Amino acid sequence: MINGPCPELGWPSYQQSTVDRWQHGQHASQLDYIAEEVPVVLVYNGVSHVVMLATPTNLEDFALGFSMTEGIINSAQEFLSCHVHTRSKGIEVSIKIPDERFVCMTDKGRNLTGRTGCGLCGASSLKQAIRQPVPVLRGVILSDRELSLALDKLREHQNINLLTGSVHAAAWATPDQGIIAVREDVGRHNALDKLIGWLLRTGQDPASGFVIVTSRASYEMVQKTASVGISLLVAVSAPTGLAIRVADEAGLTLIGFARDDQHVVYTHSYRLTHTNYLI
């Protein structure tokens, strides 16, 4: 379990507070756990690019994942170094990338603030906002039982959310092993970027597994997933129309409303097999 502050960063992922709780007309004064969101500035080659409000955990994974899914770098090898610095008003993540990649960043036009849950904040053009990922390969084949088992185990891996009830999670799972890694954040896009950063850092094969997110499946969640070659995205809530269209064009299997022994397959259903069903 989590033990409060993140000692390596100096910023807590949650705080404790005494609250007045009312239930069925009864009052109680209780100690509650409240998730924190901290300004995190990503600095590339000495120049600030974007400030995101995020949970101050796994920030090196976040920086790597964000750099890849936003097209700032083309491979993990171009993520030359990353250093996390605690500041009085937030956290600064200093990233070094090749000069040729840094020059290309001038066309991206961010240098703005990304609020919690913001996926396209700071985009200054339609071309930048809506990016079509490279089509994914065949990827993973999954049974409905394997999907159900992973969903059943997800909650117990959400350490911060078990305390606070207010953060999203992105999980990496494989058919034979179930859930392998989970990353949490107040922003659903941040959680996914953290997970993708972990995948890249640890050298996981993106074709060997699938991603589960505890949120709706918006366009940018589909784009981020497909951009690194992951072929199957599962969301506990609904997708948007644009997310479905992009997933279909990219060859990605998109599943929504995955909870309580149910799910809806929106695109490329051949990757999910069903063992027991009525005709």
Protein backbone atom coordinates (compact mmCIF):
# COMPACT_ATOMS: atom_id res chain seq x y z
CA MET A 1 0.00 0.00 0.00
CA ILE A 2 0.94 3.62 -0.43
CA ASN A 3 2.42 5.38 2.56
CA GLY A 4 1.52 8.97 1.81
CA PRO A 5 4.20 11.29 0.38
CA CYS A 6 6.44 10.26 -2.49
CA PRO A 7 9.86 10.60 -0.84
CA GLU A 8 11.73 10.62 -4.12
CA LEU A 9 9.79 13.67 -5.30
CA GLY A 10 8.87 15.53 -2.13
CA TRP A 11 5.25 15.96 -3.29
CA PRO A 12 2.46 13.75 -1.93
CA SER A 13 0.19 11.72 -4.19
CA TYR A 14 -2.59 12.23 -1.66
CA GLN A 15 -3.30 14.06 1.58
CA GLN A 16 -5.25 13.23 4.71
CA SER A 17 -8.04 15.51 5.86
CA THR A 18 -10.78 15.41 8.49
CA VAL A 19 -14.19 15.65 6.83
CA ASP A 20 -17.83 15.73 7.92
CA ARG A 21 -19.53 12.69 6.42
CA TRP A 22 -23.31 12.42 6.23
CA GLN A 23 -25.02 9.14 5.36
CA HIS A 24 -28.68 8.22 5.84
CA GLY A 25 -29.10 11.33 7.98
CA GLN A 26 -26.27 10.34 10.32
CA HIS A 27 -23.20 12.52 10.85
CA ALA A 28 -19.63 11.40 11.51
CA SER A 29 -16.30 13.23 11.60
CA GLN A 30 -13.79 11.04 9.76
CA LEU A 31 -10.27 11.04 8.37
CA ASP A 32 -10.39 10.96 4.57
CA TYR A 33 -7.78 10.51 1.84
CA ILE A 34 -7.78 13.08 -0.98
CA ALA A 35 -5.83 12.73 -4.22
CA GLU A 36 -3.42 15.53 -5.11
CA GLU A 37 -2.81 17.11 -8.50
CA VAL A 38 0.47 18.91 -9.00
CA PRO A 39 1.68 21.17 -11.83
CA VAL A 40 4.30 19.23 -13.77
CA VAL A 41 6.28 21.12 -16.41
CA LEU A 42 7.97 19.15 -19.18
CA VAL A 43 11.15 20.88 -20.27
CA TYR A 44 12.83 19.70 -23.48
CA ASN A 45 16.46 20.66 -24.05
CA GLY A 46 16.08 23.55 -21.62
CA VAL A 47 12.83 24.93 -23.07
CA SER A 48 9.45 24.55 -21.33
CA HIS A 49 6.96 22.78 -23.59
CA VAL A 50 3.81 22.13 -21.55
CA VAL A 51 2.56 22.16 -17.97
CA MET A 52 0.27 19.29 -17.01
CA LEU A 53 -1.67 18.79 -13.80
CA ALA A 54 -0.80 15.27 -12.73
CA THR A 55 -0.40 12.85 -9.85
CA PRO A 56 3.29 13.09 -8.83
CA THR A 57 4.16 9.41 -9.33
CA ASN A 58 6.05 7.60 -12.11
CA LEU A 59 6.93 10.90 -13.77
CA GLU A 60 9.82 9.51 -15.80
CA ASP A 61 7.42 6.98 -17.30
CA PHE A 62 4.98 9.84 -17.92
CA ALA A 63 7.62 11.94 -19.68
CA LEU A 64 8.69 9.05 -21.92
CA GLY A 65 5.14 8.02 -22.75
CA PHE A 66 4.03 11.59 -23.46
CA SER A 67 7.07 12.19 -25.66
CA MET A 68 6.24 9.12 -27.76
CA THR A 69 2.47 9.46 -28.01
CA GLU A 70 2.68 13.16 -28.86
CA GLY A 71 5.15 12.46 -31.67
CA ILE A 72 7.99 14.42 -30.05
CA ILE A 73 10.33 11.43 -30.39
CA ASN A 74 10.13 8.45 -32.73
CA SER A 75 11.60 5.81 -30.43
CA ALA A 76 12.55 5.27 -26.81
CA GLN A 77 16.21 5.48 -27.86
CA GLU A 78 15.68 9.17 -28.60
CA PHE A 79 14.71 9.78 -24.97
CA LEU A 80 18.30 10.52 -24.03
CA SER A 81 17.88 11.53 -20.37
CA CYS A 82 15.26 12.57 -17.85
CA HIS A 83 15.64 14.27 -14.46
CA VAL A 84 12.85 15.14 -12.02
CA HIS A 85 13.30 18.32 -9.94
CA THR A 86 11.09 19.37 -7.04
CA ARG A 87 10.15 23.05 -7.06
CA SER A 88 8.21 25.13 -4.55
CA LYS A 89 5.11 25.34 -6.78
CA GLY A 90 5.34 22.05 -8.64
CA ILE A 91 7.67 19.63 -10.36
CA GLU A 92 10.00 20.19 -13.30
CA VAL A 93 10.91 17.27 -15.55
CA SER A 94 14.00 18.03 -17.62
CA ILE A 95 14.22 15.90 -20.76
CA LYS A 96 17.04 15.65 -23.28
CA ILE A 97 16.20 14.62 -26.84
CA PRO A 98 18.24 14.75 -30.09
CA ASP A 99 18.61 18.20 -31.61
CA GLU A 100 16.80 17.16 -34.79
CA ARG A 101 13.74 16.12 -32.76
CA PHE A 102 13.87 19.33 -30.73
CA VAL A 103 13.89 21.47 -33.89
CA CYS A 104 10.73 19.70 -35.07
CA MET A 105 8.98 20.67 -31.83
CA THR A 106 8.77 24.29 -32.95
CA ASP A 107 5.93 23.24 -35.27
CA LYS A 108 3.87 21.76 -32.47
CA GLY A 109 2.92 25.10 -30.96
CA ARG A 110 2.11 24.08 -27.40
CA ASN A 111 3.94 25.93 -24.63
CA LEU A 112 0.59 26.05 -22.86
CA THR A 113 -1.10 24.51 -19.85
CA GLY A 114 -2.78 21.12 -19.96
CA ARG A 115 -5.47 20.83 -17.32
CA THR A 116 -6.38 17.63 -15.54
CA GLY A 117 -7.99 15.21 -17.98
CA CYS A 118 -6.93 17.33 -20.96
CA GLY A 119 -5.88 15.39 -24.02
CA LEU A 120 -5.54 18.05 -26.69
CA CYS A 121 -4.80 21.11 -24.56
CA GLY A 122 -2.30 23.38 -26.25
CA ALA A 123 -2.83 22.07 -29.77
CA SER A 124 -2.73 25.04 -32.12
CA SER A 125 -3.89 23.48 -35.40
CA LEU A 126 -6.34 20.86 -36.66
CA LYS A 127 -3.45 18.87 -38.14
CA GLN A 128 -1.76 18.70 -34.75
CA ALA A 129 -4.98 17.92 -32.89
CA ILE A 130 -6.17 15.01 -35.05
CA ARG A 131 -3.25 12.73 -35.92
CA GLN A 132 -3.88 9.40 -37.62
CA PRO A 133 -1.65 6.70 -36.14
CA VAL A 134 0.18 4.15 -38.23
CA PRO A 135 -2.04 1.06 -38.64
CA VAL A 136 -1.41 -1.58 -35.97
CA LEU A 137 -0.46 -5.16 -36.80
CA ARG A 138 -2.58 -8.23 -36.04
CA GLY A 139 -1.58 -8.14 -32.38
CA VAL A 140 -3.13 -10.02 -29.50
CA ILE A 141 -5.99 -12.53 -29.60
CA LEU A 142 -8.00 -12.56 -26.39
CA SER A 143 -10.87 -14.63 -25.02
CA ASP A 144 -13.81 -13.14 -23.18
CA ARG A 145 -12.81 -15.16 -20.11
CA GLU A 146 -9.29 -13.69 -20.13
CA LEU A 147 -10.77 -10.21 -20.47
CA SER A 148 -13.17 -10.83 -17.58
CA LEU A 149 -10.39 -12.13 -15.32
CA ALA A 150 -8.25 -9.05 -15.99
CA LEU A 151 -11.15 -6.71 -15.30
CA ASP A 152 -11.93 -8.52 -12.05
CA LYS A 153 -8.34 -8.04 -10.84
CA LEU A 154 -8.00 -4.40 -11.88
CA ARG A 155 -9.45 -2.81 -8.76
CA GLU A 156 -6.98 -4.45 -6.38
CA HIS A 157 -4.08 -2.95 -8.36
CA GLN A 158 -5.42 0.63 -8.02
CA ASN A 159 -3.66 1.55 -4.79
CA ILE A 160 -4.21 5.31 -4.90
CA ASN A 161 -7.79 5.00 -6.05
CA LEU A 162 -8.59 2.51 -3.29
CA LEU A 163 -7.70 5.27 -0.83
CA THR A 164 -9.08 8.33 -2.61
CA GLY A 165 -11.65 7.12 -5.15
CA SER A 166 -10.68 9.89 -7.56
CA VAL A 167 -7.89 8.76 -9.90
CA HIS A 168 -7.89 6.90 -13.19
CA ALA A 169 -5.84 3.83 -14.01
CA ALA A 170 -4.33 2.33 -17.15
CA ALA A 171 -3.36 -1.33 -17.00
CA TRP A 172 -1.22 -3.58 -19.19
CA ALA A 173 -2.33 -7.19 -19.38
CA THR A 174 -1.58 -10.28 -21.44
CA PRO A 175 -3.85 -13.28 -22.07
CA ASP A 176 -1.62 -15.71 -20.18
CA GLN A 177 -0.51 -13.51 -17.26
CA GLY A 178 -3.39 -11.13 -16.71
CA ILE A 179 -2.55 -7.68 -15.34
CA ILE A 180 1.19 -7.03 -15.26
CA ALA A 181 1.44 -3.30 -14.59
CA VAL A 182 -0.86 -0.42 -13.62
CA ARG A 183 -0.27 3.31 -13.62
CA GLU A 184 -2.59 5.82 -11.90
CA ASP A 185 -3.20 9.52 -12.32
CA VAL A 186 -5.88 12.16 -11.82
CA GLY A 187 -5.85 12.56 -15.62
CA ARG A 188 -6.83 9.58 -17.74
CA HIS A 189 -4.43 10.60 -20.51
CA ASN A 190 -1.62 10.94 -17.99
CA ALA A 191 -2.27 7.45 -16.63
CA LEU A 192 -2.09 6.03 -20.16
CA ASP A 193 1.10 7.95 -20.96
CA LYS A 194 2.66 6.62 -17.75
CA LEU A 195 1.74 3.07 -18.71
CA ILE A 196 3.09 3.48 -22.25
CA GLY A 197 6.28 4.94 -20.81
CA TRP A 198 6.63 1.84 -18.63
CA LEU A 199 6.07 -0.41 -21.65
CA LEU A 200 8.80 1.35 -23.60
CA ARG A 201 11.22 1.53 -20.69
CA THR A 202 10.92 -2.17 -19.87
CA GLY A 203 10.98 -3.33 -23.49
CA GLN A 204 7.54 -4.95 -23.53
CA ASP A 205 6.20 -6.22 -26.86
CA PRO A 206 3.16 -4.02 -27.63
CA ALA A 207 1.67 -6.80 -29.77
CA SER A 208 1.63 -9.27 -26.86
CA GLY A 209 -1.04 -7.67 -24.69
CA PHE A 210 -3.79 -5.12 -24.29
CA VAL A 211 -4.63 -1.97 -22.35
CA ILE A 212 -7.51 -1.39 -19.93
CA VAL A 213 -8.45 2.17 -18.95
CA THR A 214 -10.88 3.17 -16.20
CA SER A 215 -12.45 5.94 -18.26
CA ARG A 216 -14.25 6.62 -21.48
CA ALA A 217 -12.40 5.95 -24.73
CA SER A 218 -11.87 9.32 -26.36
CA TYR A 219 -10.03 9.92 -29.62
CA GLU A 220 -6.73 10.72 -27.94
CA MET A 221 -6.83 7.54 -25.85
CA VAL A 222 -7.19 5.53 -29.07
CA GLN A 223 -4.49 7.57 -30.81
CA LYS A 224 -2.00 7.15 -27.95
CA THR A 225 -2.63 3.40 -27.76
CA ALA A 226 -2.31 2.75 -31.48
CA SER A 227 0.70 5.06 -31.89
CA VAL A 228 2.96 2.55 -30.12
CA GLY A 229 1.54 -0.54 -31.84
CA ILE A 230 -0.93 -1.77 -29.19
CA SER A 231 -3.80 -3.49 -30.97
CA LEU A 232 -6.55 -3.72 -28.33
CA LEU A 233 -7.96 -1.06 -26.00
CA VAL A 234 -10.57 -1.79 -23.34
CA ALA A 235 -12.47 1.03 -21.62
CA VAL A 236 -14.87 0.67 -18.71
CA SER A 237 -17.01 3.47 -20.12
CA ALA A 238 -18.18 4.56 -23.57
CA PRO A 239 -16.16 5.57 -26.64
CA THR A 240 -16.75 8.68 -28.71
CA GLY A 241 -17.67 8.60 -32.38
CA LEU A 242 -14.27 9.96 -33.41
CA ALA A 243 -12.54 7.33 -31.27
CA ILE A 244 -14.47 4.57 -33.06
CA ARG A 245 -13.65 5.95 -36.51
CA VAL A 246 -9.94 6.33 -35.75
CA ALA A 247 -9.77 2.88 -34.15
CA ASP A 248 -11.43 1.37 -37.22
CA GLU A 249 -9.03 3.11 -39.60
CA ALA A 250 -6.00 2.17 -37.49
CA GLY A 251 -6.99 -1.51 -37.24
CA LEU A 252 -7.34 -1.30 -33.44
CA THR A 253 -9.90 -3.35 -31.54
CA LEU A 254 -11.92 -0.99 -29.35
CA ILE A 255 -14.05 -2.34 -26.50
CA GLY A 256 -16.26 -0.20 -24.27
CA PHE A 257 -18.59 -0.62 -21.28
CA ALA A 258 -16.33 -3.44 -20.05
CA ARG A 259 -17.64 -4.13 -16.56
CA ASP A 260 -20.05 -6.35 -14.63
CA ASP A 261 -19.54 -9.28 -17.00
CA GLN A 262 -20.48 -7.29 -20.08
CA HIS A 263 -18.72 -5.43 -22.89
CA VAL A 264 -19.38 -3.89 -26.30
CA VAL A 265 -16.98 -4.44 -29.21
CA TYR A 266 -16.94 -1.49 -31.60
CA THR A 267 -14.16 -2.29 -34.07
CA HIS A 268 -12.16 -5.28 -35.34
CA SER A 269 -13.97 -7.87 -33.25
CA TYR A 270 -11.85 -10.81 -34.48
CA ARG A 271 -9.30 -10.21 -31.69
CA LEU A 272 -11.85 -11.09 -28.99
CA THR A 273 -13.21 -14.64 -28.96
CA HIS A 274 -16.35 -15.65 -27.09
CA THR A 275 -16.52 -19.12 -25.61
CA ASN A 276 -20.04 -19.16 -24.17
CA TYR A 277 -22.93 -17.34 -25.74
CA LEU A 278 -26.50 -17.89 -26.82
CA ILE A 279 -27.70 -17.48 -30.40
